Amino acid sequence: MGAGPTGPVLDRDEVDRALARLGAEHEAIETSLLALQDHAGRRLLEGAELTGTTKERWQATEASITLLWTYFDAYSGTLRSAREIRSRRRWSSREDLAELTELLRGESVTVAGSAAPASEGAGRLSHSFTLAALVNRMNELYARSLDMVVTADAVWSALPARIDLLAAELQRTRQLAHSVGVRPGEHPSGDDLERITRTLTRLREQVVSDPLAHWVPAEGSSAPGGGRPDTTVYDREARALEEVRREIDAVLTVRQDAEQRLIRLRDVLSRADRTLAEARTARGEVLAKIAATEVPVVSGPATVLQEQLAAAAEYRRQAQWHRLSPLLESLEEKAEDELLRARESLTAVTAPLAVRAELRGRLDAYKAKVARHGMAEDPELIERYDAARRMLWSAPCDLRVAEQAVLRYQHAAAELLGGGPRVPGQGGPEDRRGGLS
């Protein structure tokens, strides 16, 4: 066969194979275009009041879809013409084959210039394509159009419903907060609820009107709709609402057990006051019974805590749970600190009495030990015991001198018992001369 501008003329078998392939392509393209035309995202885009990036891209996508159908009609017309030529005769003539070759391989598809976008030379009167080039062009336009439609549909399918669910939870939380006195301007959580409400309302409006502004494309992906909805703002507000819910739960817990907590607080503060009173009494006793001792001053009851406790009781009476909650937490910590301070004060005040009791116990223990060895009648031991006992059972008692007397008795008892354990640092001669420094 001869050759034309499009190369060698196709034979009948080549023409039939080409027509079968083009027919399959035509059917696939038509199916894809109809699916795009019927896509839920496309229908939503057509009916939505769009703004921003989505509005700009949808305008371009609508033009691309219109152009796709124009290209498809031209493609269909050329394929139909080729099929008509091939059906003229069972055995196509050389002229028929040359004409078919031109249709199937040459720039036989003509599209009016007005149908093309400005970027593709819309000012030209017409554009000519080969069938293969036209298929490639339709594939490009289809991929871009489908990506835009799928992306918008993915955002609309994911975010508005999630926002609505969060908004419903927000409304329930607001009602619950109102019931416990957490209101805007009166409690930080009330202000947070107002801010979250405004943010979610604004976010939903933005998502509905400009879904593409809330899309994060997948890096390196060329598939239509490759990426995910941007949930950054939604996630932040969901976390904020969760924090508010925890705060409301804490307030509800206060409402449920406020009375018991107030009772426990009164008990702790009462114990602290009684301990301080005991410490003050003990201080008077120490000053009367112990000489030459620095006794710390005992403070009075914590009147500030009592006033705060009264305020907490009033908050409970008035059902001001949002005010009662932080006050109770603060009071519980301070009350425990106050009780600990009172106990430490009592311990510090009664320390001299504890020292005196320890010395008394030590003196009697050594006397019992000496008695078990049959040496209770030793004159020196009796003298030293009586001296120590007079000091320890007289008031005021000089603890330093009394301790020296006890040590002298211990030392004498140890020597008498035949080299028993000596008191560290005590020497015999110095002890017999009358004392230890």
Foldseek 3Di string as FASTA:
>chain_A
DDADPLGDQDAPVVLVVLLVVLVVLLVVLVVLLVCLVVPPLLVLLVPAQADDPLVVLVVVLVLLSQLLVQLSVLLVVLSVVLVVLPPPDVHHDPVSSNVSSCSQRNQNRKGALCSDDVVVPSVDGIDTDHSVVSSVVSVVSSQSSLLSSLQLVQLVVPPPVLLVVVVVVLVVLLVLCVVLPNDPPPHVLNVLSVVLNVLSVVVNVCCSRYVVVQWDADPPDSGRNHGHGRCPSVVVSSVSVVVSSVLSVLLVVCLVCVVVLLVVLVVLLVLLQVLLVVLQVLLVVLPWAAPPDDADDGDHRDVVLVVLSVVLVVCNVVSNSSVNRVSSVVSVVVSVVSSVVSNVNSCRRCVVVVLLVVLVVLLVVLLVVCVVVVNNPPPVLVVLSVVLVCQSPDGRHHSVVSNFSSLLSQQVSCVVVPNHDHDPPDDDVVSVVPTDD
